[in-house]
Amino acid sequence: MYKIKLLILSMILVTTLHAKVDTTTGLIIDEGISDIKEHCTICHTGRFIVVNGGKRAFWEGKIIAMQDGFGLWDLTNEQKDRILNYLTKNYSK
């Protein structure tokens, strides 16, 4: 009986730890991914996001760099906030 309980607990734990991944971008599916798809991965792959990572200030710097050097257009405050929340939550190192 103990082994069965342990197996069930392990299965529940593993299931909850695995986030769903978007098959197109390879990014974690979460609130804000539509903004990432609309403003980020149209120019570069999701892999760029996955291999980078940092706290909110790191991602803010990336947005500024993309706007200054790579043609990323102006974002509304709401768009920027959703993008930063998504990146900070899912890709903070």
N, C-alpha and C. Protein backbone atom coordinates (compact mmCIF):
# COMPACT_ATOMS: atom_id res chain seq x y z
N MET A 1 0.82 -1.20 0.00
CA MET A 1 0.00 0.00 0.00
C MET A 1 0.87 1.27 0.00
N TYR A 2 1.96 1.23 0.75
CA TYR A 2 2.85 2.38 0.83
C TYR A 2 3.43 2.71 -0.55
N LYS A 3 3.82 1.68 -1.29
CA LYS A 3 4.40 1.89 -2.61
C LYS A 3 3.39 2.50 -3.57
N ILE A 4 2.15 2.10 -3.47
CA ILE A 4 1.10 2.66 -4.33
C ILE A 4 0.89 4.13 -4.01
N LYS A 5 0.83 4.47 -2.74
CA LYS A 5 0.67 5.87 -2.34
C LYS A 5 1.85 6.72 -2.83
N LEU A 6 3.04 6.17 -2.69
CA LEU A 6 4.23 6.88 -3.14
C LEU A 6 4.22 7.08 -4.65
N LEU A 7 3.79 6.06 -5.37
CA LEU A 7 3.70 6.16 -6.83
C LEU A 7 2.69 7.22 -7.24
N ILE A 8 1.53 7.23 -6.61
CA ILE A 8 0.49 8.22 -6.92
C ILE A 8 0.99 9.63 -6.61
N LEU A 9 1.60 9.79 -5.47
CA LEU A 9 2.14 11.10 -5.09
C LEU A 9 3.20 11.56 -6.08
N SER A 10 4.07 10.66 -6.49
CA SER A 10 5.11 10.99 -7.47
C SER A 10 4.51 11.41 -8.79
N MET A 11 3.47 10.71 -9.23
CA MET A 11 2.83 11.04 -10.50
C MET A 11 2.18 12.42 -10.44
N ILE A 12 1.54 12.73 -9.33
CA ILE A 12 0.91 14.04 -9.16
C ILE A 12 1.98 15.13 -9.19
N LEU A 13 3.06 14.91 -8.48
CA LEU A 13 4.14 15.89 -8.42
C LEU A 13 4.76 16.12 -9.79
N VAL A 14 5.05 15.08 -10.51
CA VAL A 14 5.65 15.21 -11.84
C VAL A 14 4.70 15.93 -12.79
N THR A 15 3.42 15.61 -12.73
CA THR A 15 2.43 16.23 -13.61
C THR A 15 2.34 17.73 -13.35
N THR A 16 2.38 18.15 -12.10
CA THR A 16 2.25 19.57 -11.80
C THR A 16 3.52 20.34 -12.09
N LEU A 17 4.67 19.67 -12.13
CA LEU A 17 5.92 20.37 -12.39
C LEU A 17 6.17 20.62 -13.86
N HIS A 18 5.52 19.88 -14.72
CA HIS A 18 5.73 20.04 -16.15
C HIS A 18 4.75 21.05 -16.72
N ALA A 19 5.27 22.18 -17.14
CA ALA A 19 4.44 23.20 -17.75
C ALA A 19 4.16 22.83 -19.20
N LYS A 20 3.02 23.26 -19.68
CA LYS A 20 2.71 23.02 -21.09
C LYS A 20 3.55 23.96 -21.94
N VAL A 21 4.01 23.42 -23.06
CA VAL A 21 4.90 24.18 -23.95
C VAL A 21 4.21 24.38 -25.28
N ASP A 22 4.29 25.60 -25.79
CA ASP A 22 3.74 25.94 -27.10
C ASP A 22 4.58 25.26 -28.17
N THR A 23 3.92 24.51 -29.05
CA THR A 23 4.66 23.75 -30.07
C THR A 23 5.30 24.64 -31.12
N THR A 24 4.77 25.82 -31.34
CA THR A 24 5.33 26.73 -32.34
C THR A 24 6.59 27.43 -31.84
N THR A 25 6.54 27.94 -30.63
CA THR A 25 7.65 28.75 -30.11
C THR A 25 8.59 27.98 -29.18
N GLY A 26 8.10 26.90 -28.60
CA GLY A 26 8.88 26.18 -27.60
C GLY A 26 8.86 26.85 -26.24
N LEU A 27 7.98 27.84 -26.07
CA LEU A 27 7.89 28.59 -24.82
C LEU A 27 6.76 28.05 -23.95
N ILE A 28 6.88 28.31 -22.66
CA ILE A 28 5.86 27.90 -21.71
C ILE A 28 4.56 28.63 -22.00
N ILE A 29 3.47 27.87 -22.02
CA ILE A 29 2.15 28.47 -22.23
C ILE A 29 1.68 29.06 -20.91
N ASP A 30 1.49 30.35 -20.90
CA ASP A 30 1.07 31.06 -19.70
C ASP A 30 0.52 32.41 -20.13
N GLU A 31 -0.08 33.11 -19.20
CA GLU A 31 -0.62 34.44 -19.50
C GLU A 31 0.50 35.33 -20.03
N GLY A 32 0.28 35.94 -21.18
CA GLY A 32 1.26 36.82 -21.79
C GLY A 32 1.94 36.22 -23.01
N ILE A 33 1.76 34.92 -23.25
CA ILE A 33 2.44 34.31 -24.39
C ILE A 33 1.96 34.89 -25.71
N SER A 34 0.70 35.32 -25.77
CA SER A 34 0.21 35.91 -27.03
C SER A 34 0.96 37.21 -27.34
N ASP A 35 1.30 37.97 -26.32
CA ASP A 35 2.10 39.18 -26.53
C ASP A 35 3.52 38.82 -26.99
N ILE A 36 4.08 37.78 -26.43
CA ILE A 36 5.40 37.32 -26.84
C ILE A 36 5.38 36.93 -28.31
N LYS A 37 4.34 36.19 -28.70
CA LYS A 37 4.23 35.77 -30.10
C LYS A 37 4.05 36.97 -31.03
N GLU A 38 3.30 37.95 -30.58
CA GLU A 38 3.00 39.12 -31.42
C GLU A 38 4.18 40.08 -31.54
N HIS A 39 4.97 40.20 -30.48
CA HIS A 39 6.00 41.23 -30.46
C HIS A 39 7.44 40.71 -30.42
N CYS A 40 7.63 39.45 -30.10
CA CYS A 40 9.01 38.95 -29.93
C CYS A 40 9.37 37.87 -30.94
N THR A 41 8.60 36.81 -30.96
CA THR A 41 9.01 35.66 -31.78
C THR A 41 8.66 35.82 -33.26
N ILE A 42 8.15 36.97 -33.64
CA ILE A 42 8.00 37.21 -35.08
C ILE A 42 9.36 37.58 -35.69
N CYS A 43 10.30 38.02 -34.84
CA CYS A 43 11.64 38.37 -35.33
C CYS A 43 12.70 37.33 -34.95
N HIS A 44 12.56 36.72 -33.79
CA HIS A 44 13.54 35.71 -33.38
C HIS A 44 12.81 34.52 -32.77
N THR A 45 13.51 33.42 -32.67
CA THR A 45 12.89 32.20 -32.16
C THR A 45 12.70 32.29 -30.65
N GLY A 46 11.86 31.43 -30.15
CA GLY A 46 11.66 31.34 -28.71
C GLY A 46 12.92 30.87 -27.99
N ARG A 47 13.78 30.19 -28.71
CA ARG A 47 15.04 29.70 -28.12
C ARG A 47 15.88 30.86 -27.58
N PHE A 48 15.82 32.01 -28.23
CA PHE A 48 16.54 33.19 -27.74
C PHE A 48 16.10 33.54 -26.32
N ILE A 49 14.81 33.39 -26.07
CA ILE A 49 14.27 33.68 -24.74
C ILE A 49 14.70 32.61 -23.75
N VAL A 50 14.60 31.35 -24.16
CA VAL A 50 14.90 30.23 -23.27
C VAL A 50 16.36 30.25 -22.80
N VAL A 51 17.29 30.55 -23.69
CA VAL A 51 18.71 30.52 -23.31
C VAL A 51 19.14 31.77 -22.54
N ASN A 52 18.35 32.82 -22.61
CA ASN A 52 18.62 34.00 -21.81
C ASN A 52 17.82 33.88 -20.52
N GLY A 53 17.77 34.90 -19.78
CA GLY A 53 16.96 34.88 -18.57
C GLY A 53 17.51 35.80 -17.52
N GLY A 54 16.62 36.33 -16.76
CA GLY A 54 17.03 37.21 -15.68
C GLY A 54 15.82 37.81 -15.00
N LYS A 55 16.10 38.66 -14.09
CA LYS A 55 15.01 39.32 -13.37
C LYS A 55 14.38 40.37 -14.27
N ARG A 56 13.39 41.06 -13.74
CA ARG A 56 12.61 42.02 -14.54
C ARG A 56 13.50 43.07 -15.22
N ALA A 57 14.48 43.59 -14.49
CA ALA A 57 15.36 44.62 -15.06
C ALA A 57 16.14 44.08 -16.27
N PHE A 58 16.53 42.82 -16.22
CA PHE A 58 17.22 42.21 -17.35
C PHE A 58 16.33 42.23 -18.58
N TRP A 59 15.06 41.82 -18.42
CA TRP A 59 14.14 41.76 -19.56
C TRP A 59 13.78 43.17 -20.04
N GLU A 60 13.67 44.12 -19.10
CA GLU A 60 13.42 45.51 -19.52
C GLU A 60 14.56 46.00 -20.41
N GLY A 61 15.78 45.66 -20.03
CA GLY A 61 16.94 46.03 -20.84
C GLY A 61 16.90 45.39 -22.22
N LYS A 62 16.43 44.15 -22.29
CA LYS A 62 16.32 43.47 -23.59
C LYS A 62 15.29 44.17 -24.48
N ILE A 63 14.17 44.58 -23.90
CA ILE A 63 13.15 45.29 -24.68
C ILE A 63 13.73 46.60 -25.23
N ILE A 64 14.42 47.34 -24.38
CA ILE A 64 15.03 48.60 -24.82
C ILE A 64 16.04 48.34 -25.93
N ALA A 65 16.87 47.31 -25.77
CA ALA A 65 17.86 46.97 -26.80
C ALA A 65 17.18 46.60 -28.11
N MET A 66 16.09 45.86 -28.04
CA MET A 66 15.36 45.48 -29.25
C MET A 66 14.74 46.70 -29.93
N GLN A 67 14.26 47.64 -29.12
CA GLN A 67 13.68 48.86 -29.69
C GLN A 67 14.76 49.76 -30.27
N ASP A 68 15.87 49.91 -29.58
CA ASP A 68 16.93 50.81 -30.04
C ASP A 68 17.71 50.25 -31.23
N GLY A 69 17.94 48.96 -31.25
CA GLY A 69 18.83 48.41 -32.26
C GLY A 69 18.23 47.49 -33.29
N PHE A 70 17.02 46.99 -33.04
CA PHE A 70 16.50 45.96 -33.92
C PHE A 70 15.10 46.22 -34.45
N GLY A 71 14.59 47.42 -34.24
CA GLY A 71 13.33 47.80 -34.86
C GLY A 71 12.07 47.38 -34.14
N LEU A 72 12.19 46.98 -32.88
CA LEU A 72 10.95 46.69 -32.13
C LEU A 72 10.20 47.99 -31.94
N TRP A 73 8.95 47.98 -32.29
CA TRP A 73 8.09 49.16 -32.23
C TRP A 73 7.73 49.48 -30.78
N ASP A 74 7.11 50.65 -30.61
CA ASP A 74 6.66 51.05 -29.28
C ASP A 74 5.59 50.10 -28.79
N LEU A 75 5.65 49.79 -27.52
CA LEU A 75 4.65 48.94 -26.87
C LEU A 75 3.83 49.80 -25.93
N THR A 76 2.56 49.47 -25.78
CA THR A 76 1.77 50.16 -24.76
C THR A 76 2.29 49.71 -23.40
N ASN A 77 1.98 50.47 -22.38
CA ASN A 77 2.39 50.09 -21.03
C ASN A 77 1.83 48.73 -20.65
N GLU A 78 0.60 48.46 -21.08
CA GLU A 78 -0.05 47.18 -20.77
C GLU A 78 0.67 46.03 -21.48
N GLN A 79 1.02 46.22 -22.74
CA GLN A 79 1.74 45.17 -23.48
C GLN A 79 3.10 44.90 -22.84
N LYS A 80 3.81 45.97 -22.55
CA LYS A 80 5.14 45.83 -21.94
C LYS A 80 5.04 45.12 -20.60
N ASP A 81 4.05 45.48 -19.80
CA ASP A 81 3.88 44.88 -18.49
C ASP A 81 3.55 43.38 -18.61
N ARG A 82 2.67 43.02 -19.54
CA ARG A 82 2.34 41.60 -19.73
C ARG A 82 3.57 40.82 -20.18
N ILE A 83 4.35 41.39 -21.10
CA ILE A 83 5.57 40.73 -21.58
C ILE A 83 6.56 40.56 -20.44
N LEU A 84 6.79 41.61 -19.68
CA LEU A 84 7.74 41.53 -18.57
C LEU A 84 7.27 40.55 -17.50
N ASN A 85 5.98 40.55 -17.20
CA ASN A 85 5.46 39.60 -16.21
C ASN A 85 5.67 38.17 -16.68
N TYR A 86 5.38 37.91 -17.96
CA TYR A 86 5.54 36.57 -18.52
C TYR A 86 7.01 36.14 -18.46
N LEU A 87 7.90 36.98 -18.96
CA LEU A 87 9.32 36.63 -19.01
C LEU A 87 9.91 36.45 -17.62
N THR A 88 9.55 37.34 -16.70
CA THR A 88 10.08 37.26 -15.34
C THR A 88 9.58 36.01 -14.63
N LYS A 89 8.32 35.69 -14.84
CA LYS A 89 7.74 34.51 -14.18
C LYS A 89 8.32 33.21 -14.74
N ASN A 90 8.46 33.13 -16.05
CA ASN A 90 8.80 31.86 -16.68
C ASN A 90 10.26 31.71 -17.07
N TYR A 91 10.99 32.80 -17.20
CA TYR A 91 12.38 32.73 -17.67
C TYR A 91 13.30 33.62 -16.85
N SER A 92 13.17 33.54 -15.55
CA SER A 92 14.04 34.29 -14.64
C SER A 92 15.12 33.34 -14.13
N LYS A 93 16.36 33.75 -14.25
CA LYS A 93 17.46 32.88 -13.79
C LYS A 93 18.13 33.47 -12.58
